[in-house]
Amino acid sequence: MKYSLPILFVTVVALFSACAHQPETAHKPLETAEQPPSRPEEAVEVPLSLTQENALAAAVFEKRVMDAGGEVAFIFEDNRPFAQCHASTIEQAPDGTLIAAWFAGTEEKHPDVGIWMSRRVDGAWLPPYLAAKVDETAHWNPVLFADAEADVYLFFKVGPEISHWRTYWMRSDDHGETWTEPTELVPGDEGGRGPVKNKPIILSDGSWLAGASTEYQRWEAFADRSTDRGQTWQRSADFEIDRQQFRGRGAIQPTFWESTPGQIHGLLRTSAGRAWRVDSSDYGVTWTPVYDSGLPNNNSSLDALLLEDGRLLLLLNPVGMNWGPRTPLSLAVSHDNGDTWDVIAHLEDDPIDTRHEYSYPALIQTKNGVAASYTWRRERVRVWMIPKTALAALL
């Protein structure tokens, strides 16, 4: 079914077509220090797989969540022990404890940036603490993950440059209270093994599948698979990209789901104004070439979650513009395995402003519903705990 272009995209193009050429006096988008200035891509004309006309405003959705017994809260307030924070991750330990982590310090890429963490205990988030600092270079993109054997893992990147960062991991067997010392995930690797931003998933055959990517001259994405609880990893080939059809630097930061046994699907952040998609029919060993998902993408991360009933949730910035604004931040649902999407509610919908960044969402299923964390203006980490009853009427 075709429909007219949503007002949001028209507004974005009108307000920001000139902004791409202005001096960078405001906060830089993620990873721009790693790239030369990029040519603005043409805006997506019609995002055929997404509708959002009936989405709830953020304030309305927040009231619905709170009335259902949920929570919308910051993990910490303005008295934080760091200037900036970004790229949060969230997980629920087997005992029900919520754990969150993020990188923080003076600013992204600064040598003092480390991995910070907090746990939600007795209904409140504990004060954040520095959980990992391997060396005096920048740390990046923590990823929390709970396995089927009741352990919790933390993956993160270390290095002054994204193109040569290294992946480390830690394990907790007491629901995130204490952790092992950080060790390299794939010794000697420089560039990006293991999860790069989004949570791994446990496949129906018991293996772990992580979305990975590298950022050298081009952006390349691939899948990393482990059949021995993360002790060793098997890297897929880079996802094939027809660079005549898909312009820009490429694709990174996959988010995966398994629709039926062995059938895996992924959505990727790109530099082309759209999210791209890949599929696998052999548990993530081999993959189709990437193709246009029809979802708008602002060259920022997105995260998907497969619900028990087969429906998909997705957190994204529904903005079809390369390096577009990272607002609004919206929750979408798909009833057809990701072919089409409906935005059901906004988590943030401030007026469009480059200073209003709501980005890098993490989305998980919990014992009582779903939980989401994300960057709030690079100043805080915000968490939504959404009960099943608050979602039921929207799905």
Protein backbone atom coordinates (compact mmCIF):
# COMPACT_ATOMS: atom_id res chain seq x y z
CA MET A 1 0.00 0.00 0.00
CA LYS A 2 1.36 3.44 -0.90
CA TYR A 3 0.76 6.58 1.04
CA SER A 4 1.95 10.18 1.10
CA LEU A 5 5.27 11.19 2.56
CA PRO A 6 4.97 11.76 6.34
CA ILE A 7 5.34 15.33 7.44
CA LEU A 8 8.37 14.43 9.53
CA PHE A 9 10.57 13.71 6.54
CA VAL A 10 9.58 16.87 4.73
CA THR A 11 10.39 18.85 7.87
CA VAL A 12 13.75 17.15 8.25
CA VAL A 13 14.80 17.90 4.69
CA ALA A 14 13.69 21.52 4.92
CA LEU A 15 15.38 22.22 8.23
CA PHE A 16 18.60 20.32 7.76
CA SER A 17 19.56 20.52 4.11
CA ALA A 18 21.68 23.53 4.97
CA CYS A 19 22.89 22.30 8.34
CA ALA A 20 25.16 19.70 6.79
CA HIS A 21 27.34 22.55 5.49
CA GLN A 22 27.55 24.58 8.67
CA PRO A 23 30.65 24.61 10.89
CA GLU A 24 30.53 21.90 13.54
CA THR A 25 29.90 24.11 16.52
CA ALA A 26 27.28 21.78 17.94
CA HIS A 27 27.93 18.23 19.07
CA LYS A 28 29.36 16.03 16.33
CA PRO A 29 27.47 12.91 15.28
CA LEU A 30 28.92 9.59 16.38
CA GLU A 31 32.21 8.64 14.75
CA THR A 32 32.65 11.77 12.65
CA ALA A 33 36.16 12.10 14.04
CA GLU A 34 36.88 8.87 12.19
CA GLN A 35 35.67 10.14 8.81
CA PRO A 36 36.31 12.90 6.29
CA PRO A 37 33.32 15.21 5.71
CA SER A 38 30.72 13.20 3.86
CA ARG A 39 28.64 14.28 0.91
CA PRO A 40 25.00 14.72 2.02
CA GLU A 41 22.88 11.95 0.57
CA GLU A 42 19.56 12.60 -1.08
CA ALA A 43 16.62 12.28 1.29
CA VAL A 44 14.50 9.18 1.05
CA GLU A 45 11.43 10.06 -0.98
CA VAL A 46 8.95 7.47 0.29
CA PRO A 47 9.78 5.07 3.15
CA LEU A 48 7.51 2.35 1.81
CA SER A 49 7.89 0.00 4.76
CA LEU A 50 7.09 2.50 7.54
CA THR A 51 3.99 4.36 8.66
CA GLN A 52 3.74 6.56 11.73
CA GLU A 53 0.54 8.57 11.43
CA ASN A 54 -1.04 6.90 14.48
CA ALA A 55 1.99 6.94 16.78
CA LEU A 56 1.45 8.01 20.38
CA ALA A 57 3.26 11.16 21.47
CA ALA A 58 6.05 10.56 23.97
CA ALA A 59 4.16 12.18 26.84
CA VAL A 60 1.07 10.07 26.16
CA PHE A 61 3.09 6.86 25.92
CA GLU A 62 5.01 7.67 29.10
CA LYS A 63 1.74 8.13 31.02
CA ARG A 64 0.47 4.81 29.66
CA VAL A 65 3.66 3.09 30.82
CA MET A 66 3.54 4.66 34.27
CA ASP A 67 -0.17 3.90 34.72
CA ALA A 68 0.58 0.25 33.92
CA GLY A 69 3.18 0.09 36.69
CA GLY A 70 6.22 0.70 34.49
CA GLU A 71 8.97 3.24 34.84
CA VAL A 72 10.67 5.94 32.80
CA ALA A 73 13.80 7.17 34.56
CA PHE A 74 17.36 8.38 34.24
CA ILE A 75 20.04 6.09 35.64
CA PHE A 76 21.87 9.17 36.98
CA GLU A 77 21.23 12.89 37.14
CA ASP A 78 23.33 15.97 36.35
CA ASN A 79 25.77 15.24 39.18
CA ARG A 80 27.33 12.53 37.05
CA PRO A 81 31.08 11.88 37.44
CA PHE A 82 31.80 12.48 33.72
CA ALA A 83 31.05 15.14 31.13
CA GLN A 84 29.51 13.02 28.37
CA CYS A 85 28.08 9.54 27.96
CA HIS A 86 26.89 7.47 25.01
CA ALA A 87 26.05 4.02 23.60
CA SER A 88 24.20 2.41 26.48
CA THR A 89 23.33 -1.27 26.71
CA ILE A 90 20.88 -3.02 29.02
CA GLU A 91 20.28 -6.59 30.14
CA GLN A 92 18.24 -8.44 32.73
CA ALA A 93 20.19 -10.94 34.80
CA PRO A 94 18.57 -14.32 35.54
CA ASP A 95 17.50 -13.15 39.01
CA GLY A 96 15.62 -10.21 37.48
CA THR A 97 18.23 -7.52 38.17
CA LEU A 98 18.53 -4.92 35.42
CA ILE A 99 22.09 -3.99 34.46
CA ALA A 100 23.09 -1.08 32.25
CA ALA A 101 26.45 0.04 30.86
CA TRP A 102 27.69 2.86 28.63
CA PHE A 103 30.91 4.63 27.72
CA ALA A 104 31.67 7.94 29.36
CA GLY A 105 34.38 10.51 29.97
CA THR A 106 35.33 13.96 28.73
CA GLU A 107 33.91 13.24 25.29
CA GLU A 108 33.79 10.42 22.76
CA LYS A 109 37.24 9.25 21.66
CA HIS A 110 39.00 11.04 24.55
CA PRO A 111 41.65 8.89 26.29
CA ASP A 112 39.84 9.08 29.64
CA VAL A 113 36.68 7.40 28.29
CA GLY A 114 35.90 4.11 30.04
CA ILE A 115 33.01 1.70 30.45
CA TRP A 116 30.62 2.66 33.24
CA MET A 117 27.90 0.53 34.78
CA SER A 118 24.92 0.55 37.14
CA ARG A 119 22.51 -2.07 38.51
CA ARG A 120 18.91 -1.57 39.50
CA VAL A 121 18.52 -2.90 43.05
CA ASP A 122 15.44 -2.61 45.30
CA GLY A 123 13.68 -0.40 42.78
CA ALA A 124 16.48 2.12 42.25
CA TRP A 125 19.58 2.47 40.09
CA LEU A 126 22.81 2.33 42.07
CA PRO A 127 25.40 5.11 41.59
CA PRO A 128 27.36 4.54 38.38
CA TYR A 129 30.90 3.22 38.65
CA LEU A 130 33.82 2.69 36.29
CA ALA A 131 33.54 -0.98 35.37
CA ALA A 132 36.33 -1.32 32.80
CA LYS A 133 39.41 0.66 31.85
CA VAL A 134 41.90 -1.61 30.07
CA ASP A 135 44.39 1.11 29.09
CA GLU A 136 44.65 4.86 28.65
CA THR A 137 42.90 4.95 25.29
CA ALA A 138 39.23 5.47 24.52
CA HIS A 139 36.71 2.71 25.26
CA TRP A 140 33.55 2.29 23.16
CA ASN A 141 30.21 0.53 22.62
CA PRO A 142 29.58 -1.81 25.56
CA VAL A 143 27.20 -4.70 24.92
CA LEU A 144 25.55 -6.69 27.73
CA PHE A 145 24.32 -10.23 27.09
CA ALA A 146 22.84 -12.96 29.31
CA ASP A 147 23.29 -16.56 28.21
CA ALA A 148 21.14 -19.63 28.79
CA GLU A 149 23.39 -20.82 31.65
CA ALA A 150 22.71 -17.80 33.90
CA ASP A 151 25.93 -15.88 33.24
CA VAL A 152 26.04 -12.27 32.10
CA TYR A 153 28.69 -10.97 29.70
CA LEU A 154 29.99 -7.51 28.86
CA PHE A 155 31.67 -6.89 25.50
CA PHE A 156 33.32 -3.57 24.60
CA LYS A 157 35.83 -1.96 22.26
CA VAL A 158 39.20 -0.43 23.17
CA GLY A 159 41.46 1.81 21.09
CA PRO A 160 42.11 5.38 19.97
CA GLU A 161 40.73 4.75 16.46
CA ILE A 162 37.59 2.84 15.45
CA SER A 163 39.38 1.33 12.47
CA HIS A 164 41.79 -0.55 14.76
CA TRP A 165 39.89 -1.00 18.01
CA ARG A 166 40.05 -4.32 19.87
CA THR A 167 37.22 -6.26 21.50
CA TYR A 168 37.34 -7.23 25.18
CA TRP A 169 34.88 -9.17 27.29
CA MET A 170 34.10 -9.84 30.95
CA ARG A 171 31.81 -12.37 32.67
CA SER A 172 29.67 -12.27 35.80
CA ASP A 173 28.19 -15.31 37.53
CA ASP A 174 26.47 -13.32 40.29
CA HIS A 175 23.97 -11.26 38.27
CA GLY A 176 26.37 -8.42 37.52
CA GLU A 177 27.60 -7.77 41.05
CA THR A 178 31.19 -8.80 40.31
CA TRP A 179 33.05 -9.39 37.04
CA THR A 180 36.10 -11.19 35.73
CA GLU A 181 39.07 -9.21 34.47
CA PRO A 182 38.74 -8.01 30.85
CA THR A 183 40.34 -10.27 28.24
CA GLU A 184 40.56 -10.00 24.48
CA LEU A 185 37.72 -11.74 22.67
CA VAL A 186 39.81 -12.70 19.64
CA PRO A 187 43.48 -12.22 20.57
CA GLY A 188 45.37 -10.15 18.05
CA ASP A 189 42.33 -8.84 16.21
CA GLU A 190 42.18 -5.16 15.36
CA GLY A 191 39.03 -3.92 13.70
CA GLY A 192 35.95 -5.44 15.25
CA ARG A 193 35.23 -9.04 16.20
CA GLY A 194 32.17 -9.91 18.24
CA PRO A 195 29.20 -7.63 18.93
CA VAL A 196 29.87 -4.09 17.75
CA LYS A 197 26.83 -2.38 19.27
CA ASN A 198 23.73 -4.60 19.54
CA LYS A 199 23.11 -7.62 21.73
CA PRO A 200 23.97 -11.11 20.42
CA ILE A 201 21.08 -13.53 20.09
CA ILE A 202 20.92 -17.19 21.08
CA LEU A 203 19.81 -19.24 18.09
CA SER A 204 17.54 -22.27 18.18
CA ASP A 205 20.58 -24.56 17.80
CA GLY A 206 22.16 -23.00 20.91
CA SER A 207 24.81 -20.96 19.12
CA TRP A 208 25.40 -17.27 19.74
CA LEU A 209 25.17 -14.83 16.85
CA ALA A 210 26.59 -11.32 17.09
CA GLY A 211 26.30 -8.43 14.65
CA ALA A 212 29.78 -7.14 13.81
CA SER A 213 31.33 -4.56 11.50
CA THR A 214 34.57 -2.86 10.57
CA GLU A 215 35.31 0.72 9.56
CA TYR A 216 38.40 1.02 7.44
CA GLN A 217 38.14 2.98 4.18
CA ARG A 218 34.71 1.42 3.71
CA TRP A 219 32.11 0.25 6.17
CA GLU A 220 31.62 -3.52 6.12
CA ALA A 221 29.29 -5.65 8.23
CA PHE A 222 29.32 -9.36 9.01
CA ALA A 223 28.11 -11.94 11.54
CA ASP A 224 30.26 -13.50 14.27
CA ARG A 225 29.07 -16.90 15.51
CA SER A 226 30.09 -18.95 18.55
CA THR A 227 29.09 -22.54 19.33
CA ASP A 228 31.04 -22.81 22.60
CA ARG A 229 29.64 -19.99 24.75
CA GLY A 230 31.93 -17.36 23.35
CA GLN A 231 35.26 -19.14 23.73
CA THR A 232 35.85 -19.17 19.96
CA TRP A 233 34.19 -17.26 17.13
CA GLN A 234 33.63 -17.98 13.44
CA ARG A 235 33.43 -14.92 11.24
CA SER A 236 31.14 -14.85 8.20
CA ALA A 237 32.20 -13.15 5.00
CA ASP A 238 31.43 -9.45 4.80
CA PHE A 239 27.87 -8.91 3.64
CA GLU A 240 27.88 -8.35 -0.10
CA ILE A 241 27.07 -4.78 -1.16
CA ASP A 242 26.38 -3.68 -4.71
CA ARG A 243 28.16 -0.36 -4.45
CA GLN A 244 26.71 0.86 -7.72
CA GLN A 245 23.23 0.52 -6.25
CA PHE A 246 23.96 1.35 -2.59
CA ARG A 247 25.97 4.54 -2.40
CA GLY A 248 27.90 5.84 0.58
CA ARG A 249 30.47 4.36 2.90
CA GLY A 250 28.50 1.17 3.57
CA ALA A 251 26.73 -0.51 6.48
CA ILE A 252 27.57 -1.24 10.12
CA GLN A 253 26.08 -2.36 13.45
CA PRO A 254 23.65 -5.16 12.53
CA THR A 255 20.73 -6.13 14.73
CA PHE A 256 19.56 -9.75 14.28
CA TRP A 257 16.52 -11.93 14.89
CA GLU A 258 15.64 -15.57 14.11
CA SER A 259 12.16 -15.99 12.62
CA THR A 260 12.15 -19.81 12.38
CA PRO A 261 14.96 -22.30 13.09
CA GLY A 262 17.98 -21.34 11.02
CA GLN A 263 16.25 -18.37 9.33
CA ILE A 264 18.10 -15.26 10.49
CA HIS A 265 17.49 -11.66 9.49
CA GLY A 266 19.34 -8.43 10.11
CA LEU A 267 18.88 -4.69 9.79
CA LEU A 268 21.88 -2.40 9.40
CA ARG A 269 22.74 1.22 9.95
CA THR A 270 23.98 2.79 6.70
CA SER A 271 25.18 6.01 5.10
CA ALA A 272 22.47 5.95 2.42
CA GLY A 273 19.40 7.33 4.20
CA ARG A 274 17.86 3.84 4.53
CA ALA A 275 18.38 0.82 6.75
CA TRP A 276 19.58 -2.17 4.73
CA ARG A 277 18.64 -5.77 5.34
CA VAL A 278 20.30 -9.20 5.04
CA ASP A 279 18.97 -12.74 5.50
CA SER A 280 20.47 -16.16 6.20
CA SER A 281 18.93 -19.64 5.87
CA ASP A 282 21.76 -21.55 7.59
CA TYR A 283 22.00 -20.13 11.13
CA GLY A 284 24.06 -17.15 10.07
CA VAL A 285 26.87 -18.95 8.27
CA THR A 286 26.14 -17.45 4.84
CA TRP A 287 24.05 -14.43 3.92
CA THR A 288 22.19 -12.80 1.06
CA PRO A 289 23.52 -9.57 -0.41
CA VAL A 290 22.21 -6.50 1.38
CA TYR A 291 19.02 -4.94 0.08
CA ASP A 292 16.89 -1.90 0.83
CA SER A 293 14.54 -2.56 3.77
CA GLY A 294 12.43 0.52 3.05
CA LEU A 295 13.12 1.85 6.55
CA PRO A 296 14.47 5.38 6.91
CA ASN A 297 17.84 5.62 8.62
CA ASN A 298 19.76 8.71 9.73
CA ASN A 299 23.14 6.97 9.87
CA SER A 300 22.57 6.02 13.49
CA SER A 301 22.05 2.73 15.24
CA LEU A 302 18.76 0.85 15.58
CA ASP A 303 17.83 -2.27 17.59
CA ALA A 304 15.24 -4.99 16.94
CA LEU A 305 13.61 -7.48 19.29
CA LEU A 306 11.64 -10.62 18.41
CA LEU A 307 8.73 -11.15 20.80
CA GLU A 308 7.52 -14.57 21.89
CA ASP A 309 4.42 -14.27 19.68
CA GLY A 310 6.50 -13.67 16.54
CA ARG A 311 5.98 -9.94 16.28
CA LEU A 312 8.99 -7.66 16.00
CA LEU A 313 9.73 -4.45 17.85
CA LEU A 314 12.22 -1.90 16.59
CA LEU A 315 13.68 1.24 18.17
CA LEU A 316 14.93 3.75 15.63
CA ASN A 317 15.20 7.37 14.61
CA PRO A 318 12.73 7.41 11.68
CA VAL A 319 14.67 10.00 9.69
CA GLY A 320 15.68 9.20 6.10
CA MET A 321 18.76 11.40 5.80
CA ASN A 322 22.48 10.64 6.03
CA TRP A 323 23.75 12.19 9.28
CA GLY A 324 20.22 13.39 9.91
CA PRO A 325 19.00 14.48 13.34
CA ARG A 326 18.81 11.84 16.06
CA THR A 327 15.30 12.72 17.06
CA PRO A 328 12.58 11.56 17.35
CA LEU A 329 13.30 8.15 18.90
CA SER A 330 10.43 5.83 18.07
CA LEU A 331 9.11 2.34 18.75
CA ALA A 332 7.79 0.42 15.73
CA VAL A 333 6.15 -2.99 15.36
CA SER A 334 6.10 -5.45 12.46
CA HIS A 335 3.57 -8.25 12.00
CA ASP A 336 5.20 -9.68 8.87
CA ASN A 337 8.80 -10.47 9.84
CA GLY A 338 10.08 -6.98 9.18
CA ASP A 339 8.61 -6.41 5.71
CA THR A 340 6.45 -3.50 6.92
CA TRP A 341 6.48 -1.45 10.11
CA ASP A 342 4.15 0.81 12.05
CA VAL A 343 5.48 3.36 14.52
CA ILE A 344 3.28 2.85 17.57
CA ALA A 345 4.81 5.38 19.97
CA HIS A 346 7.62 7.87 20.42
CA LEU A 347 9.97 7.68 23.38
CA GLU A 348 11.33 11.12 22.57
CA ASP A 349 9.75 13.65 20.21
CA ASP A 350 11.27 17.03 21.05
CA PRO A 351 11.28 19.63 18.29
CA ILE A 352 14.00 18.83 15.78
CA ASP A 353 17.28 20.30 17.00
CA THR A 354 20.81 19.03 16.49
CA ARG A 355 21.40 19.39 20.24
CA HIS A 356 18.52 17.04 21.02
CA GLU A 357 20.15 13.66 20.47
CA TYR A 358 18.19 10.54 21.48
CA SER A 359 20.07 7.67 19.98
CA TYR A 360 21.78 4.29 20.15
CA PRO A 361 18.84 2.41 21.64
CA ALA A 362 19.11 -1.01 23.24
CA LEU A 363 15.94 -3.11 23.45
CA ILE A 364 15.44 -6.32 25.44
CA GLN A 365 12.64 -8.58 26.63
CA THR A 366 12.18 -8.75 30.40
CA LYS A 367 10.18 -10.94 32.74
CA ASN A 368 7.41 -8.32 32.79
CA GLY A 369 7.58 -6.82 29.31
CA VAL A 370 10.39 -4.98 27.53
CA ALA A 371 13.06 -2.53 28.59
CA ALA A 372 14.93 0.06 26.54
CA SER A 373 17.91 2.30 27.20
CA TYR A 374 19.37 5.06 25.06
CA THR A 375 21.56 8.16 24.94
CA TRP A 376 19.79 11.26 26.20
CA ARG A 377 21.61 14.32 24.76
CA ARG A 378 25.00 12.74 25.57
CA GLU A 379 24.33 13.87 29.15
CA ARG A 380 22.42 10.92 30.62
CA VAL A 381 21.17 7.41 29.99
CA ARG A 382 17.40 7.00 30.03
CA VAL A 383 15.61 3.71 30.65
CA TRP A 384 12.04 2.73 29.90
CA MET A 385 10.58 -0.33 31.65
CA ILE A 386 7.46 -1.09 29.63
CA PRO A 387 4.98 -3.64 31.06
CA LYS A 388 3.24 -6.07 28.73
CA THR A 389 -0.09 -4.43 29.48
CA ALA A 390 1.18 -1.05 28.25
CA LEU A 391 2.15 -2.61 24.93
CA ALA A 392 -0.81 -4.93 24.43
CA ALA A 393 -3.27 -2.39 23.04
CA LEU A 394 -0.65 -0.96 20.66
CA LEU A 395 0.45 -4.26 19.14
